[in-house]
Amino acid sequence: MIRFSASEPEITGLLRFLERRARRLIPMDKTGRAASLLWLPLATDNRDDLRPRRTSRSLLRLLRDADDSLPWGVRLATDASHAYSTNRDTETGRYHVEPETSRLILFAFGPVMPEERKEGLAPERRREGIIELRDWVEEEIPIAEAPSPKGVVFLPQTLVARDLVERCARRLRRRGNLVDNRWHVPPHLPEDDE
């Protein structure tokens, strides 16, 4: 799990970086289309909003327009056939997606923090966020039928997802400072092309 605090332009750069990295890392599918990620909101009032998106544009638009928390999940497009695990909260009526059983990388962005005014610079909206990945494993095999050596068998997608999260963490570490167990990326940094 990576905890961070960054301006919205920095978060936008991080998400675009993630998409570029995924295109280089994930192999093409059987039809020859370029590999991609699927983006999914993890909490919504309408079940129809739980459809996956092929780009991060919806999330980027919400980052710009909404002030509340935004929990989203990212999945490899090669894993699109795996079903999402959804629950409905009976009290609020909201639908929630379980990131671990749905094989999602969690991107949870907090509400917009109060803006700090700096002399001569326009204020930037900041959010705190979390990037989290749980290792995805094969279903349990009975001990008698387990392969040798015995142990946990990771899904192939786990290694790709781990690499994507590690690259995001590396970018945050390179551009930020560790303050109270959170990577704090200062505002008004120039764009970083990797």
C-alpha atoms as a PDB file:
ATOM      1  CA  MET A   1       0.000   0.000   0.000  1.00  0.00           C
ATOM      2  CA  ILE A   2       1.303   3.429  -0.953  1.00  0.00           C
ATOM      3  CA  ARG A   3      -0.089   6.521   0.748  1.00  0.00           C
ATOM      4  CA  PHE A   4       0.463   9.903  -0.855  1.00  0.00           C
ATOM      5  CA  SER A   5      -0.633  13.513  -0.980  1.00  0.00           C
ATOM      6  CA  ALA A   6      -0.447  15.323  -4.313  1.00  0.00           C
ATOM      7  CA  SER A   7      -2.019  18.061  -6.387  1.00  0.00           C
ATOM      8  CA  GLU A   8      -4.609  17.118  -8.976  1.00  0.00           C
ATOM      9  CA  PRO A   9      -2.249  17.867 -11.906  1.00  0.00           C
ATOM     10  CA  GLU A  10       0.268  15.492 -10.295  1.00  0.00           C
ATOM     11  CA  ILE A  11      -2.415  12.796  -9.889  1.00  0.00           C
ATOM     12  CA  THR A  12      -3.424  13.295 -13.534  1.00  0.00           C
ATOM     13  CA  GLY A  13       0.209  12.833 -14.554  1.00  0.00           C
ATOM     14  CA  LEU A  14       0.423   9.681 -12.430  1.00  0.00           C
ATOM     15  CA  LEU A  15      -2.665   8.140 -14.055  1.00  0.00           C
ATOM     16  CA  ARG A  16      -1.438   8.969 -17.569  1.00  0.00           C
ATOM     17  CA  PHE A  17       1.959   7.519 -16.669  1.00  0.00           C
ATOM     18  CA  LEU A  18       0.204   4.325 -15.519  1.00  0.00           C
ATOM     19  CA  GLU A  19      -1.643   4.009 -18.843  1.00  0.00           C
ATOM     20  CA  ARG A  20       1.558   4.528 -20.859  1.00  0.00           C
ATOM     21  CA  ARG A  21       3.420   1.970 -18.756  1.00  0.00           C
ATOM     22  CA  ALA A  22       0.610  -0.568 -19.155  1.00  0.00           C
ATOM     23  CA  ARG A  23       0.722  -0.243 -22.950  1.00  0.00           C
ATOM     24  CA  ARG A  24       4.435  -1.092 -22.893  1.00  0.00           C
ATOM     25  CA  LEU A  25       4.142  -3.889 -20.365  1.00  0.00           C
ATOM     26  CA  ILE A  26       0.967  -5.832 -21.151  1.00  0.00           C
ATOM     27  CA  PRO A  27       1.053  -8.045 -24.260  1.00  0.00           C
ATOM     28  CA  MET A  28      -1.466  -7.535 -27.069  1.00  0.00           C
ATOM     29  CA  ASP A  29      -4.646  -9.532 -26.865  1.00  0.00           C
ATOM     30  CA  LYS A  30      -5.634 -12.334 -29.275  1.00  0.00           C
ATOM     31  CA  THR A  31      -7.181  -9.896 -31.752  1.00  0.00           C
ATOM     32  CA  GLY A  32      -3.957  -7.882 -31.986  1.00  0.00           C
ATOM     33  CA  ARG A  33      -5.346  -4.846 -30.173  1.00  0.00           C
ATOM     34  CA  ALA A  34      -3.013  -2.906 -27.953  1.00  0.00           C
ATOM     35  CA  ALA A  35      -3.238  -3.853 -24.311  1.00  0.00           C
ATOM     36  CA  SER A  36      -5.000  -1.525 -21.938  1.00  0.00           C
ATOM     37  CA  LEU A  37      -6.435  -1.107 -18.479  1.00  0.00           C
ATOM     38  CA  LEU A  38     -10.065  -1.137 -17.387  1.00  0.00           C
ATOM     39  CA  TRP A  39     -11.158   1.582 -14.937  1.00  0.00           C
ATOM     40  CA  LEU A  40     -14.097   1.066 -12.581  1.00  0.00           C
ATOM     41  CA  PRO A  41     -15.669   3.203  -9.822  1.00  0.00           C
ATOM     42  CA  LEU A  42     -15.828   1.201  -6.587  1.00  0.00           C
ATOM     43  CA  ALA A  43     -18.844   2.979  -5.068  1.00  0.00           C
ATOM     44  CA  THR A  44     -21.862   4.331  -6.924  1.00  0.00           C
ATOM     45  CA  ASP A  45     -25.597   4.904  -6.543  1.00  0.00           C
ATOM     46  CA  ASN A  46     -26.472   3.445  -9.936  1.00  0.00           C
ATOM     47  CA  ARG A  47     -25.635  -0.141 -10.920  1.00  0.00           C
ATOM     48  CA  ASP A  48     -25.203   0.954 -14.554  1.00  0.00           C
ATOM     49  CA  ASP A  49     -22.190   3.058 -13.519  1.00  0.00           C
ATOM     50  CA  LEU A  50     -20.325  -0.128 -12.565  1.00  0.00           C
ATOM     51  CA  ARG A  51     -19.316  -0.783 -16.151  1.00  0.00           C
ATOM     52  CA  PRO A  52     -15.573  -0.756 -16.874  1.00  0.00           C
ATOM     53  CA  ARG A  53     -14.066   2.083 -18.899  1.00  0.00           C
ATOM     54  CA  ARG A  54     -11.146   1.670 -21.313  1.00  0.00           C
ATOM     55  CA  THR A  55      -9.535   5.020 -20.426  1.00  0.00           C
ATOM     56  CA  SER A  56      -9.098   7.095 -17.288  1.00  0.00           C
ATOM     57  CA  ARG A  57     -11.029  10.072 -18.763  1.00  0.00           C
ATOM     58  CA  SER A  58     -14.068   9.540 -16.508  1.00  0.00           C
ATOM     59  CA  LEU A  59     -11.874   9.501 -13.409  1.00  0.00           C
ATOM     60  CA  LEU A  60      -9.908  12.551 -14.582  1.00  0.00           C
ATOM     61  CA  ARG A  61     -13.160  14.447 -15.164  1.00  0.00           C
ATOM     62  CA  LEU A  62     -14.400  13.541 -11.681  1.00  0.00           C
ATOM     63  CA  LEU A  63     -11.074  14.587 -10.136  1.00  0.00           C
ATOM     64  CA  ARG A  64     -11.481  17.994 -11.739  1.00  0.00           C
ATOM     65  CA  ASP A  65     -15.193  18.487 -11.009  1.00  0.00           C
ATOM     66  CA  ALA A  66     -15.992  16.652  -7.742  1.00  0.00           C
ATOM     67  CA  ASP A  67     -14.769  17.530  -4.261  1.00  0.00           C
ATOM     68  CA  ASP A  68     -15.649  14.282  -2.460  1.00  0.00           C
ATOM     69  CA  SER A  69     -13.795  10.957  -2.129  1.00  0.00           C
ATOM     70  CA  LEU A  70     -13.230   8.903  -5.283  1.00  0.00           C
ATOM     71  CA  PRO A  71     -12.492   5.179  -4.831  1.00  0.00           C
ATOM     72  CA  TRP A  72     -11.637   3.573  -8.188  1.00  0.00           C
ATOM     73  CA  GLY A  73     -10.222   0.248  -9.269  1.00  0.00           C
ATOM     74  CA  VAL A  74      -7.987  -0.630 -12.196  1.00  0.00           C
ATOM     75  CA  ARG A  75      -7.843  -4.016 -13.860  1.00  0.00           C
ATOM     76  CA  LEU A  76      -5.811  -5.420 -16.723  1.00  0.00           C
ATOM     77  CA  ALA A  77      -7.935  -5.671 -19.878  1.00  0.00           C
ATOM     78  CA  THR A  78      -6.599  -9.202 -20.386  1.00  0.00           C
ATOM     79  CA  ASP A  79      -8.478 -10.120 -17.192  1.00  0.00           C
ATOM     80  CA  ALA A  80     -11.821  -8.703 -18.394  1.00  0.00           C
ATOM     81  CA  SER A  81     -13.656 -12.041 -18.245  1.00  0.00           C
ATOM     82  CA  HIS A  82     -13.238 -12.310 -14.449  1.00  0.00           C
ATOM     83  CA  ALA A  83     -16.468 -11.279 -12.695  1.00  0.00           C
ATOM     84  CA  TYR A  84     -16.673  -8.284 -10.363  1.00  0.00           C
ATOM     85  CA  SER A  85     -17.739  -8.908  -6.783  1.00  0.00           C
ATOM     86  CA  THR A  86     -20.393  -6.289  -5.932  1.00  0.00           C
ATOM     87  CA  ASN A  87     -22.468  -5.690  -2.816  1.00  0.00           C
ATOM     88  CA  ARG A  88     -25.337  -3.327  -2.156  1.00  0.00           C
ATOM     89  CA  ASP A  89     -25.470  -1.405   1.098  1.00  0.00           C
ATOM     90  CA  THR A  90     -29.081  -1.717   2.255  1.00  0.00           C
ATOM     91  CA  GLU A  91     -28.945   1.435   4.377  1.00  0.00           C
ATOM     92  CA  THR A  92     -27.586   3.833   1.752  1.00  0.00           C
ATOM     93  CA  GLY A  93     -28.580   1.962  -1.410  1.00  0.00           C
ATOM     94  CA  ARG A  94     -25.064   2.360  -2.835  1.00  0.00           C
ATOM     95  CA  TYR A  95     -23.288  -0.373  -4.769  1.00  0.00           C
ATOM     96  CA  HIS A  96     -19.739  -1.297  -3.738  1.00  0.00           C
ATOM     97  CA  VAL A  97     -17.155  -3.363  -5.617  1.00  0.00           C
ATOM     98  CA  GLU A  98     -14.771  -5.546  -3.595  1.00  0.00           C
ATOM     99  CA  PRO A  99     -11.274  -4.806  -5.017  1.00  0.00           C
ATOM    100  CA  GLU A 100      -9.510  -7.939  -3.769  1.00  0.00           C
ATOM    101  CA  THR A 101     -11.912 -10.579  -5.100  1.00  0.00           C
ATOM    102  CA  SER A 102     -12.473  -8.557  -8.292  1.00  0.00           C
ATOM    103  CA  ARG A 103      -8.708  -8.476  -9.013  1.00  0.00           C
ATOM    104  CA  LEU A 104      -8.468  -4.692  -8.972  1.00  0.00           C
ATOM    105  CA  ILE A 105      -5.649  -2.320  -8.157  1.00  0.00           C
ATOM    106  CA  LEU A 106      -7.183   0.151  -5.720  1.00  0.00           C
ATOM    107  CA  PHE A 107      -6.821   3.894  -6.353  1.00  0.00           C
ATOM    108  CA  ALA A 108      -8.643   5.687  -3.542  1.00  0.00           C
ATOM    109  CA  PHE A 109      -8.536   9.488  -3.612  1.00  0.00           C
ATOM    110  CA  GLY A 110      -9.712  11.455  -0.595  1.00  0.00           C
ATOM    111  CA  PRO A 111     -11.770  14.651  -0.650  1.00  0.00           C
ATOM    112  CA  VAL A 112     -10.181  17.886  -1.838  1.00  0.00           C
ATOM    113  CA  MET A 113      -8.011  19.377   0.892  1.00  0.00           C
ATOM    114  CA  PRO A 114      -8.146  23.088   1.748  1.00  0.00           C
ATOM    115  CA  GLU A 115      -6.001  25.034  -0.711  1.00  0.00           C
ATOM    116  CA  GLU A 116      -2.790  26.619   0.496  1.00  0.00           C
ATOM    117  CA  ARG A 117      -2.147  29.998  -1.063  1.00  0.00           C
ATOM    118  CA  LYS A 118       1.444  30.747  -2.004  1.00  0.00           C
ATOM    119  CA  GLU A 119       2.651  34.147  -3.048  1.00  0.00           C
ATOM    120  CA  GLY A 120       2.816  34.509  -6.824  1.00  0.00           C
ATOM    121  CA  LEU A 121       1.374  31.031  -7.577  1.00  0.00           C
ATOM    122  CA  ALA A 122      -2.158  29.943  -8.324  1.00  0.00           C
ATOM    123  CA  PRO A 123      -3.552  27.527  -5.717  1.00  0.00           C
ATOM    124  CA  GLU A 124      -3.708  23.854  -6.678  1.00  0.00           C
ATOM    125  CA  ARG A 125      -6.353  21.431  -5.475  1.00  0.00           C
ATOM    126  CA  ARG A 126      -4.753  18.622  -3.458  1.00  0.00           C
ATOM    127  CA  ARG A 127      -5.949  15.174  -2.499  1.00  0.00           C
ATOM    128  CA  GLU A 128      -4.626  12.387  -0.372  1.00  0.00           C
ATOM    129  CA  GLY A 129      -4.629   8.971  -1.952  1.00  0.00           C
ATOM    130  CA  ILE A 130      -3.869   5.291  -1.571  1.00  0.00           C
ATOM    131  CA  ILE A 131      -2.641   2.810  -4.151  1.00  0.00           C
ATOM    132  CA  GLU A 132      -3.096  -0.761  -2.980  1.00  0.00           C
ATOM    133  CA  LEU A 133      -2.705  -4.190  -4.520  1.00  0.00           C
ATOM    134  CA  ARG A 134      -3.414  -7.561  -2.963  1.00  0.00           C
ATOM    135  CA  ASP A 135      -1.689 -10.521  -4.605  1.00  0.00           C
ATOM    136  CA  TRP A 136      -4.069 -12.547  -6.723  1.00  0.00           C
ATOM    137  CA  VAL A 137      -3.646 -16.291  -6.300  1.00  0.00           C
ATOM    138  CA  GLU A 138      -4.980 -19.390  -8.002  1.00  0.00           C
ATOM    139  CA  GLU A 139      -7.820 -21.203  -6.283  1.00  0.00           C
ATOM    140  CA  GLU A 140      -6.684 -23.508  -3.517  1.00  0.00           C
ATOM    141  CA  ILE A 141      -5.618 -26.942  -4.713  1.00  0.00           C
ATOM    142  CA  PRO A 142      -6.054 -29.979  -2.467  1.00  0.00           C
ATOM    143  CA  ILE A 143      -2.697 -30.918  -0.911  1.00  0.00           C
ATOM    144  CA  ALA A 144      -2.635 -34.318  -2.629  1.00  0.00           C
ATOM    145  CA  GLU A 145      -2.971 -32.658  -6.061  1.00  0.00           C
ATOM    146  CA  ALA A 146      -0.752 -29.635  -5.372  1.00  0.00           C
ATOM    147  CA  PRO A 147       2.269 -29.142  -7.622  1.00  0.00           C
ATOM    148  CA  SER A 148       5.769 -29.534  -6.263  1.00  0.00           C
ATOM    149  CA  PRO A 149       7.140 -27.431  -4.575  1.00  0.00           C
ATOM    150  CA  LYS A 150       4.082 -26.673  -2.508  1.00  0.00           C
ATOM    151  CA  GLY A 151       3.015 -23.109  -1.873  1.00  0.00           C
ATOM    152  CA  VAL A 152       0.942 -20.268  -3.205  1.00  0.00           C
ATOM    153  CA  VAL A 153       0.543 -20.054  -6.973  1.00  0.00           C
ATOM    154  CA  PHE A 154       0.181 -16.458  -8.184  1.00  0.00           C
ATOM    155  CA  LEU A 155      -1.884 -15.597 -11.223  1.00  0.00           C
ATOM    156  CA  PRO A 156       0.205 -14.296 -14.156  1.00  0.00           C
ATOM    157  CA  GLN A 157      -1.591 -10.933 -13.912  1.00  0.00           C
ATOM    158  CA  THR A 158      -0.174 -10.438 -10.408  1.00  0.00           C
ATOM    159  CA  LEU A 159       3.346  -9.818 -11.685  1.00  0.00           C
ATOM    160  CA  VAL A 160       2.157  -7.223 -14.200  1.00  0.00           C
ATOM    161  CA  ALA A 161      -0.017  -5.474 -11.608  1.00  0.00           C
ATOM    162  CA  ARG A 162       2.855  -5.493  -9.098  1.00  0.00           C
ATOM    163  CA  ASP A 163       5.112  -3.848 -11.669  1.00  0.00           C
ATOM    164  CA  LEU A 164       2.533  -1.142 -12.412  1.00  0.00           C
ATOM    165  CA  VAL A 165       2.094  -0.335  -8.712  1.00  0.00           C
ATOM    166  CA  GLU A 166       5.857  -0.342  -8.129  1.00  0.00           C
ATOM    167  CA  ARG A 167       6.350   2.090 -11.038  1.00  0.00           C
ATOM    168  CA  CYS A 168       3.720   4.428  -9.579  1.00  0.00           C
ATOM    169  CA  ALA A 169       5.422   4.205  -6.179  1.00  0.00           C
ATOM    170  CA  ARG A 170       8.802   4.929  -7.749  1.00  0.00           C
ATOM    171  CA  ARG A 171       7.402   8.004  -9.478  1.00  0.00           C
ATOM    172  CA  LEU A 172       5.916   9.282  -6.193  1.00  0.00           C
ATOM    173  CA  ARG A 173       9.173   8.621  -4.313  1.00  0.00           C
ATOM    174  CA  ARG A 174      11.208  10.404  -6.976  1.00  0.00           C
ATOM    175  CA  ARG A 175       8.974  13.480  -7.005  1.00  0.00           C
ATOM    176  CA  GLY A 176       8.007  13.651  -3.322  1.00  0.00           C
ATOM    177  CA  ASN A 177       9.200  13.504   0.266  1.00  0.00           C
ATOM    178  CA  LEU A 178       8.229  11.000   2.954  1.00  0.00           C
ATOM    179  CA  VAL A 179       6.307  12.841   5.691  1.00  0.00           C
ATOM    180  CA  ASP A 180       4.387  10.884   8.369  1.00  0.00           C
ATOM    181  CA  ASN A 181       4.430   7.620   6.342  1.00  0.00           C
ATOM    182  CA  ARG A 182       2.933   9.405   3.322  1.00  0.00           C
ATOM    183  CA  TRP A 183       4.650  10.546   0.134  1.00  0.00           C
ATOM    184  CA  HIS A 184       4.039  14.284  -0.092  1.00  0.00           C
ATOM    185  CA  VAL A 185       4.518  15.642  -3.619  1.00  0.00           C
ATOM    186  CA  PRO A 186       5.033  19.421  -3.525  1.00  0.00           C
ATOM    187  CA  PRO A 187       2.810  21.591  -5.752  1.00  0.00           C
ATOM    188  CA  HIS A 188       3.843  23.246  -9.022  1.00  0.00           C
ATOM    189  CA  LEU A 189       6.404  20.646 -10.107  1.00  0.00           C
ATOM    190  CA  PRO A 190       7.204  20.513 -13.836  1.00  0.00           C
ATOM    191  CA  GLU A 191       5.818  17.623 -15.883  1.00  0.00           C
ATOM    192  CA  ASP A 192       7.857  14.437 -15.670  1.00  0.00           C
ATOM    193  CA  ASP A 193       8.145  12.327 -18.816  1.00  0.00           C
ATOM    194  CA  GLU A 194       9.473   8.830 -18.345  1.00  0.00           C
END
